[in-house]
Amino acid sequence: MEAQINPVQKHHDELPTEPFTETEMLEQWVKYAKRLGDKGYKIMESLLLINDPVLKGTTIIHELPNESSKIDFEGEKHDLLGYLRGKLHNHNITIEITINESIELKKAFTVEEKYERLKEINPSLETLRKLFDLDL
């Protein structure tokens, strides 16, 4: 009963810190955004997908177009960090937000644009397309 009252918490040094690539981070980032969109949080989904975040060590740098977007993003940042830390098995991950008012929303409308966007996220997609001789 004491174990239920006082659950064992791991010390920060005992938490996993496995290495991960920018591609793996982007895949999880997009999955999280899709999950938010499916739940009806379309604004947060669009803030996550407005551009691709950049990985520097274990810091994810994400550019947003204005201060109000940053405030909206900060409200979801804690849950996003928990998700990424769990999926990527690295509890040293941090997210840094920068404001860039010249960001243009990147939307993929044609099949080719959508394919190129997916290929940016996961380059092995091109290998699969060639292996199975698929058309767009």
N, C-alpha and C. Protein backbone atom coordinates (compact mmCIF):
# COMPACT_ATOMS: atom_id res chain seq x y z
N MET A 1 0.82 -1.19 0.00
CA MET A 1 0.00 0.00 0.00
C MET A 1 0.87 1.26 0.00
N GLU A 2 2.01 1.17 0.66
CA GLU A 2 2.91 2.32 0.69
C GLU A 2 3.43 2.66 -0.71
N ALA A 3 3.62 1.63 -1.54
CA ALA A 3 4.11 1.83 -2.90
C ALA A 3 3.08 2.61 -3.74
N GLN A 4 1.81 2.40 -3.47
CA GLN A 4 0.77 3.13 -4.19
C GLN A 4 0.71 4.58 -3.74
N ILE A 5 0.93 4.82 -2.47
CA ILE A 5 0.88 6.18 -1.94
C ILE A 5 2.09 6.98 -2.40
N ASN A 6 3.27 6.37 -2.34
CA ASN A 6 4.51 7.03 -2.73
C ASN A 6 5.13 6.28 -3.91
N PRO A 7 4.65 6.55 -5.13
CA PRO A 7 5.20 5.83 -6.29
C PRO A 7 6.69 6.15 -6.46
N VAL A 8 7.40 5.17 -6.96
CA VAL A 8 8.84 5.34 -7.18
C VAL A 8 9.05 6.24 -8.38
N GLN A 9 9.79 7.31 -8.17
CA GLN A 9 10.11 8.21 -9.26
C GLN A 9 11.59 8.06 -9.58
N LYS A 10 11.87 7.93 -10.87
CA LYS A 10 13.25 7.78 -11.30
C LYS A 10 13.96 9.12 -11.23
N HIS A 11 15.20 9.07 -10.83
CA HIS A 11 16.03 10.26 -10.83
C HIS A 11 16.33 10.64 -12.28
N HIS A 12 16.52 11.92 -12.55
CA HIS A 12 16.74 12.39 -13.92
C HIS A 12 17.87 11.63 -14.61
N ASP A 13 18.93 11.24 -13.85
CA ASP A 13 20.06 10.52 -14.43
C ASP A 13 19.69 9.11 -14.88
N GLU A 14 18.59 8.56 -14.37
CA GLU A 14 18.17 7.21 -14.71
C GLU A 14 17.23 7.17 -15.91
N LEU A 15 16.77 8.32 -16.38
CA LEU A 15 15.85 8.35 -17.51
C LEU A 15 16.61 8.11 -18.81
N PRO A 16 15.94 7.50 -19.82
CA PRO A 16 16.65 7.17 -21.07
C PRO A 16 17.10 8.40 -21.84
N THR A 17 18.25 8.27 -22.47
CA THR A 17 18.79 9.35 -23.31
C THR A 17 19.37 8.75 -24.59
N GLU A 18 18.56 7.95 -25.28
CA GLU A 18 19.00 7.31 -26.51
C GLU A 18 19.13 8.35 -27.63
N PRO A 19 20.13 8.18 -28.50
CA PRO A 19 20.27 9.11 -29.63
C PRO A 19 19.14 8.90 -30.64
N PHE A 20 18.83 9.96 -31.38
CA PHE A 20 17.79 9.88 -32.42
C PHE A 20 18.17 10.83 -33.53
N THR A 21 17.59 10.60 -34.70
CA THR A 21 17.89 11.44 -35.86
C THR A 21 16.81 12.50 -36.06
N GLU A 22 17.13 13.47 -36.90
CA GLU A 22 16.15 14.50 -37.20
C GLU A 22 14.94 13.90 -37.93
N THR A 23 15.17 12.90 -38.76
CA THR A 23 14.07 12.23 -39.48
C THR A 23 13.13 11.55 -38.50
N GLU A 24 13.68 10.85 -37.52
CA GLU A 24 12.84 10.19 -36.51
C GLU A 24 12.04 11.23 -35.74
N MET A 25 12.67 12.35 -35.40
CA MET A 25 11.98 13.41 -34.67
C MET A 25 10.86 13.98 -35.53
N LEU A 26 11.13 14.22 -36.82
CA LEU A 26 10.10 14.77 -37.71
C LEU A 26 8.92 13.82 -37.86
N GLU A 27 9.20 12.52 -37.95
CA GLU A 27 8.11 11.54 -38.06
C GLU A 27 7.19 11.61 -36.84
N GLN A 28 7.78 11.66 -35.65
CA GLN A 28 6.98 11.74 -34.43
C GLN A 28 6.27 13.08 -34.32
N TRP A 29 6.91 14.15 -34.76
CA TRP A 29 6.32 15.49 -34.75
C TRP A 29 5.05 15.50 -35.60
N VAL A 30 5.14 14.94 -36.81
CA VAL A 30 3.99 14.90 -37.73
C VAL A 30 2.89 14.00 -37.17
N LYS A 31 3.26 12.87 -36.59
CA LYS A 31 2.26 11.97 -35.99
C LYS A 31 1.51 12.67 -34.87
N TYR A 32 2.23 13.42 -34.05
CA TYR A 32 1.59 14.14 -32.95
C TYR A 32 0.64 15.21 -33.50
N ALA A 33 1.09 15.93 -34.53
CA ALA A 33 0.24 16.96 -35.14
C ALA A 33 -1.02 16.33 -35.73
N LYS A 34 -0.87 15.20 -36.40
CA LYS A 34 -2.02 14.49 -36.99
C LYS A 34 -3.00 14.07 -35.90
N ARG A 35 -2.45 13.58 -34.79
CA ARG A 35 -3.29 13.16 -33.67
C ARG A 35 -4.09 14.34 -33.12
N LEU A 36 -3.45 15.51 -33.01
CA LEU A 36 -4.16 16.70 -32.56
C LEU A 36 -5.26 17.09 -33.54
N GLY A 37 -4.95 17.01 -34.83
CA GLY A 37 -5.94 17.33 -35.86
C GLY A 37 -7.13 16.40 -35.81
N ASP A 38 -6.87 15.12 -35.56
CA ASP A 38 -7.96 14.14 -35.45
C ASP A 38 -8.86 14.41 -34.24
N LYS A 39 -8.28 15.01 -33.21
CA LYS A 39 -9.05 15.35 -32.01
C LYS A 39 -9.79 16.68 -32.15
N GLY A 40 -9.54 17.39 -33.26
CA GLY A 40 -10.22 18.65 -33.50
C GLY A 40 -9.41 19.88 -33.17
N TYR A 41 -8.15 19.71 -32.77
CA TYR A 41 -7.29 20.84 -32.45
C TYR A 41 -6.55 21.30 -33.71
N LYS A 42 -7.30 21.86 -34.64
CA LYS A 42 -6.77 22.22 -35.95
C LYS A 42 -5.75 23.36 -35.88
N ILE A 43 -5.93 24.30 -34.97
CA ILE A 43 -4.98 25.41 -34.85
C ILE A 43 -3.63 24.89 -34.41
N MET A 44 -3.62 24.04 -33.40
CA MET A 44 -2.35 23.48 -32.94
C MET A 44 -1.71 22.61 -34.02
N GLU A 45 -2.52 21.87 -34.74
CA GLU A 45 -1.99 21.04 -35.82
C GLU A 45 -1.30 21.94 -36.85
N SER A 46 -1.94 23.04 -37.21
CA SER A 46 -1.34 23.93 -38.22
C SER A 46 -0.07 24.61 -37.68
N LEU A 47 -0.03 24.93 -36.38
CA LEU A 47 1.18 25.52 -35.81
C LEU A 47 2.34 24.53 -35.84
N LEU A 48 2.04 23.27 -35.61
CA LEU A 48 3.09 22.25 -35.65
C LEU A 48 3.59 22.00 -37.07
N LEU A 49 2.68 22.11 -38.04
CA LEU A 49 3.03 21.79 -39.42
C LEU A 49 3.36 23.01 -40.27
N ILE A 50 3.40 24.20 -39.66
CA ILE A 50 3.64 25.42 -40.43
C ILE A 50 5.01 25.38 -41.10
N ASN A 51 5.96 24.72 -40.48
CA ASN A 51 7.26 24.46 -41.10
C ASN A 51 7.92 23.30 -40.33
N ASP A 52 9.02 22.82 -40.86
CA ASP A 52 9.69 21.70 -40.21
C ASP A 52 10.63 22.22 -39.13
N PRO A 53 10.54 21.66 -37.93
CA PRO A 53 11.48 22.06 -36.89
C PRO A 53 12.89 21.56 -37.22
N VAL A 54 13.89 22.20 -36.64
CA VAL A 54 15.28 21.84 -36.86
C VAL A 54 15.84 21.25 -35.57
N LEU A 55 16.63 20.21 -35.70
CA LEU A 55 17.22 19.56 -34.54
C LEU A 55 18.67 19.99 -34.38
N LYS A 56 19.01 20.49 -33.20
CA LYS A 56 20.40 20.84 -32.86
C LYS A 56 20.72 20.14 -31.54
N GLY A 57 21.40 19.00 -31.65
CA GLY A 57 21.66 18.19 -30.46
C GLY A 57 20.37 17.55 -30.01
N THR A 58 19.93 17.91 -28.80
CA THR A 58 18.62 17.43 -28.33
C THR A 58 17.62 18.58 -28.23
N THR A 59 17.98 19.72 -28.81
CA THR A 59 17.08 20.88 -28.81
C THR A 59 16.37 20.96 -30.15
N ILE A 60 15.06 21.03 -30.10
CA ILE A 60 14.24 21.18 -31.31
C ILE A 60 13.90 22.65 -31.44
N ILE A 61 14.28 23.24 -32.55
CA ILE A 61 14.03 24.66 -32.79
C ILE A 61 12.89 24.78 -33.80
N HIS A 62 11.82 25.45 -33.37
CA HIS A 62 10.62 25.58 -34.20
C HIS A 62 10.30 27.06 -34.39
N GLU A 63 10.14 27.47 -35.64
CA GLU A 63 9.82 28.86 -35.95
C GLU A 63 8.32 29.04 -36.09
N LEU A 64 7.82 30.10 -35.49
CA LEU A 64 6.41 30.45 -35.60
C LEU A 64 6.30 31.86 -36.14
N PRO A 65 5.16 32.20 -36.78
CA PRO A 65 5.05 33.48 -37.47
C PRO A 65 4.84 34.70 -36.57
N ASN A 66 4.33 34.53 -35.34
CA ASN A 66 4.08 35.71 -34.50
C ASN A 66 3.98 35.32 -33.02
N GLU A 67 3.90 36.32 -32.19
CA GLU A 67 3.90 36.12 -30.74
C GLU A 67 2.65 35.38 -30.26
N SER A 68 1.50 35.65 -30.87
CA SER A 68 0.27 34.96 -30.43
C SER A 68 0.34 33.47 -30.75
N SER A 69 0.97 33.12 -31.87
CA SER A 69 1.17 31.71 -32.19
C SER A 69 2.07 31.05 -31.15
N LYS A 70 3.07 31.79 -30.71
CA LYS A 70 3.99 31.27 -29.70
C LYS A 70 3.25 31.01 -28.39
N ILE A 71 2.37 31.91 -28.02
CA ILE A 71 1.59 31.74 -26.79
C ILE A 71 0.70 30.51 -26.90
N ASP A 72 0.03 30.34 -28.04
CA ASP A 72 -0.80 29.15 -28.26
C ASP A 72 0.05 27.88 -28.18
N PHE A 73 1.22 27.93 -28.80
CA PHE A 73 2.11 26.76 -28.83
C PHE A 73 2.61 26.40 -27.44
N GLU A 74 2.93 27.42 -26.65
CA GLU A 74 3.45 27.19 -25.30
C GLU A 74 2.45 26.39 -24.45
N GLY A 75 1.16 26.57 -24.70
CA GLY A 75 0.14 25.83 -23.95
C GLY A 75 0.17 24.33 -24.23
N GLU A 76 0.62 23.95 -25.40
CA GLU A 76 0.66 22.53 -25.80
C GLU A 76 2.07 21.94 -25.67
N LYS A 77 3.04 22.79 -25.45
CA LYS A 77 4.45 22.37 -25.47
C LYS A 77 4.75 21.25 -24.47
N HIS A 78 4.20 21.32 -23.28
CA HIS A 78 4.47 20.31 -22.26
C HIS A 78 4.03 18.92 -22.72
N ASP A 79 2.83 18.82 -23.27
CA ASP A 79 2.33 17.52 -23.75
C ASP A 79 3.16 17.02 -24.93
N LEU A 80 3.53 17.93 -25.83
CA LEU A 80 4.36 17.57 -26.97
C LEU A 80 5.72 17.05 -26.51
N LEU A 81 6.32 17.72 -25.54
CA LEU A 81 7.60 17.27 -25.01
C LEU A 81 7.49 15.87 -24.41
N GLY A 82 6.44 15.63 -23.65
CA GLY A 82 6.24 14.31 -23.06
C GLY A 82 6.11 13.23 -24.12
N TYR A 83 5.36 13.54 -25.17
CA TYR A 83 5.17 12.60 -26.27
C TYR A 83 6.50 12.30 -26.96
N LEU A 84 7.23 13.35 -27.33
CA LEU A 84 8.50 13.17 -28.04
C LEU A 84 9.53 12.45 -27.17
N ARG A 85 9.61 12.82 -25.90
CA ARG A 85 10.56 12.16 -25.00
C ARG A 85 10.25 10.67 -24.87
N GLY A 86 8.99 10.34 -24.81
CA GLY A 86 8.60 8.93 -24.70
C GLY A 86 8.86 8.15 -25.99
N LYS A 87 8.46 8.72 -27.12
CA LYS A 87 8.60 8.02 -28.40
C LYS A 87 10.05 7.91 -28.86
N LEU A 88 10.85 8.93 -28.56
CA LEU A 88 12.25 8.94 -29.00
C LEU A 88 13.20 8.42 -27.92
N HIS A 89 12.66 8.08 -26.76
CA HIS A 89 13.44 7.51 -25.64
C HIS A 89 14.60 8.41 -25.26
N ASN A 90 14.33 9.71 -25.14
CA ASN A 90 15.37 10.65 -24.74
C ASN A 90 14.72 11.76 -23.93
N HIS A 91 15.07 11.82 -22.64
CA HIS A 91 14.45 12.81 -21.77
C HIS A 91 15.25 14.10 -21.67
N ASN A 92 16.23 14.28 -22.53
CA ASN A 92 16.99 15.53 -22.59
C ASN A 92 16.43 16.47 -23.66
N ILE A 93 15.40 16.05 -24.35
CA ILE A 93 14.83 16.86 -25.44
C ILE A 93 14.22 18.14 -24.87
N THR A 94 14.51 19.25 -25.54
CA THR A 94 13.89 20.53 -25.22
C THR A 94 13.39 21.15 -26.52
N ILE A 95 12.44 22.07 -26.40
CA ILE A 95 11.90 22.77 -27.58
C ILE A 95 12.12 24.26 -27.39
N GLU A 96 12.70 24.86 -28.41
CA GLU A 96 12.95 26.30 -28.41
C GLU A 96 12.11 26.93 -29.52
N ILE A 97 11.39 27.97 -29.18
CA ILE A 97 10.51 28.64 -30.14
C ILE A 97 11.15 29.96 -30.57
N THR A 98 11.20 30.18 -31.87
CA THR A 98 11.67 31.46 -32.38
C THR A 98 10.55 32.08 -33.22
N ILE A 99 10.55 33.40 -33.25
CA ILE A 99 9.55 34.13 -34.03
C ILE A 99 10.18 34.61 -35.33
N ASN A 100 9.52 34.29 -36.44
CA ASN A 100 9.97 34.74 -37.76
C ASN A 100 8.73 35.20 -38.51
N GLU A 101 8.53 36.48 -38.54
CA GLU A 101 7.29 37.01 -39.13
C GLU A 101 7.23 36.89 -40.64
N SER A 102 8.30 36.40 -41.26
CA SER A 102 8.28 36.26 -42.72
C SER A 102 7.99 34.82 -43.15
N ILE A 103 7.55 33.97 -42.20
CA ILE A 103 7.23 32.58 -42.54
C ILE A 103 6.03 32.54 -43.48
N GLU A 104 6.17 31.78 -44.53
CA GLU A 104 5.05 31.54 -45.43
C GLU A 104 4.57 30.12 -45.19
N LEU A 105 3.29 29.97 -45.11
CA LEU A 105 2.70 28.65 -44.88
C LEU A 105 2.98 27.75 -46.08
N LYS A 106 3.58 26.58 -45.82
CA LYS A 106 3.87 25.65 -46.90
C LYS A 106 2.72 24.65 -46.98
N LYS A 107 2.00 24.69 -48.06
CA LYS A 107 0.91 23.75 -48.29
C LYS A 107 1.21 22.94 -49.53
N ALA A 108 0.94 21.67 -49.46
CA ALA A 108 1.11 20.80 -50.62
C ALA A 108 -0.28 20.53 -51.20
N PHE A 109 -0.48 20.94 -52.45
CA PHE A 109 -1.79 20.79 -53.07
C PHE A 109 -1.82 19.66 -54.09
N THR A 110 -0.80 19.58 -54.92
CA THR A 110 -0.80 18.55 -55.95
C THR A 110 -0.23 17.25 -55.39
N VAL A 111 -0.44 16.17 -56.10
CA VAL A 111 0.06 14.86 -55.69
C VAL A 111 1.59 14.91 -55.59
N GLU A 112 2.23 15.57 -56.57
CA GLU A 112 3.68 15.66 -56.57
C GLU A 112 4.19 16.43 -55.36
N GLU A 113 3.52 17.55 -55.03
CA GLU A 113 3.93 18.34 -53.87
C GLU A 113 3.77 17.55 -52.58
N LYS A 114 2.67 16.81 -52.48
CA LYS A 114 2.44 15.99 -51.29
C LYS A 114 3.51 14.91 -51.17
N TYR A 115 3.85 14.29 -52.30
CA TYR A 115 4.87 13.25 -52.29
C TYR A 115 6.23 13.84 -51.89
N GLU A 116 6.57 15.00 -52.44
CA GLU A 116 7.85 15.65 -52.10
C GLU A 116 7.91 15.99 -50.62
N ARG A 117 6.80 16.43 -50.06
CA ARG A 117 6.73 16.76 -48.62
C ARG A 117 6.95 15.49 -47.79
N LEU A 118 6.30 14.40 -48.16
CA LEU A 118 6.48 13.14 -47.45
C LEU A 118 7.90 12.62 -47.59
N LYS A 119 8.47 12.82 -48.78
CA LYS A 119 9.84 12.38 -49.02
C LYS A 119 10.83 13.18 -48.18
N GLU A 120 10.54 14.45 -47.92
CA GLU A 120 11.38 15.27 -47.04
C GLU A 120 11.38 14.69 -45.62
N ILE A 121 10.22 14.25 -45.19
CA ILE A 121 10.09 13.69 -43.84
C ILE A 121 10.75 12.33 -43.74
N ASN A 122 10.56 11.50 -44.77
CA ASN A 122 11.12 10.15 -44.75
C ASN A 122 11.72 9.82 -46.12
N PRO A 123 13.03 10.03 -46.28
CA PRO A 123 13.68 9.82 -47.57
C PRO A 123 13.58 8.39 -48.10
N SER A 124 13.39 7.41 -47.24
CA SER A 124 13.30 6.02 -47.71
C SER A 124 12.03 5.77 -48.52
N LEU A 125 11.12 6.72 -48.54
CA LEU A 125 9.90 6.60 -49.34
C LEU A 125 10.24 6.48 -50.82
N GLU A 126 11.26 7.20 -51.26
CA GLU A 126 11.69 7.14 -52.67
C GLU A 126 12.19 5.74 -53.01
N THR A 127 12.91 5.12 -52.09
CA THR A 127 13.41 3.75 -52.30
C THR A 127 12.25 2.78 -52.48
N LEU A 128 11.24 2.91 -51.65
CA LEU A 128 10.06 2.04 -51.76
C LEU A 128 9.33 2.25 -53.09
N ARG A 129 9.21 3.52 -53.49
CA ARG A 129 8.53 3.82 -54.75
C ARG A 129 9.26 3.17 -55.92
N LYS A 130 10.60 3.24 -55.92
CA LYS A 130 11.38 2.64 -57.00
C LYS A 130 11.35 1.12 -56.92
N LEU A 131 11.43 0.59 -55.70
CA LEU A 131 11.44 -0.87 -55.52
C LEU A 131 10.16 -1.51 -56.06
N PHE A 132 9.03 -0.89 -55.82
CA PHE A 132 7.75 -1.45 -56.26
C PHE A 132 7.27 -0.84 -57.58
N ASP A 133 8.11 0.00 -58.20
CA ASP A 133 7.81 0.62 -59.48
C ASP A 133 6.44 1.31 -59.44
N LEU A 134 6.28 2.20 -58.46
CA LEU A 134 4.99 2.90 -58.27
C LEU A 134 4.98 4.24 -58.98
N ASP A 135 3.81 4.65 -59.43
CA ASP A 135 3.62 5.96 -60.02
C ASP A 135 3.03 6.88 -58.96
N LEU A 136 3.08 8.17 -59.24
CA LEU A 136 2.48 9.14 -58.30
C LEU A 136 1.03 9.34 -58.62
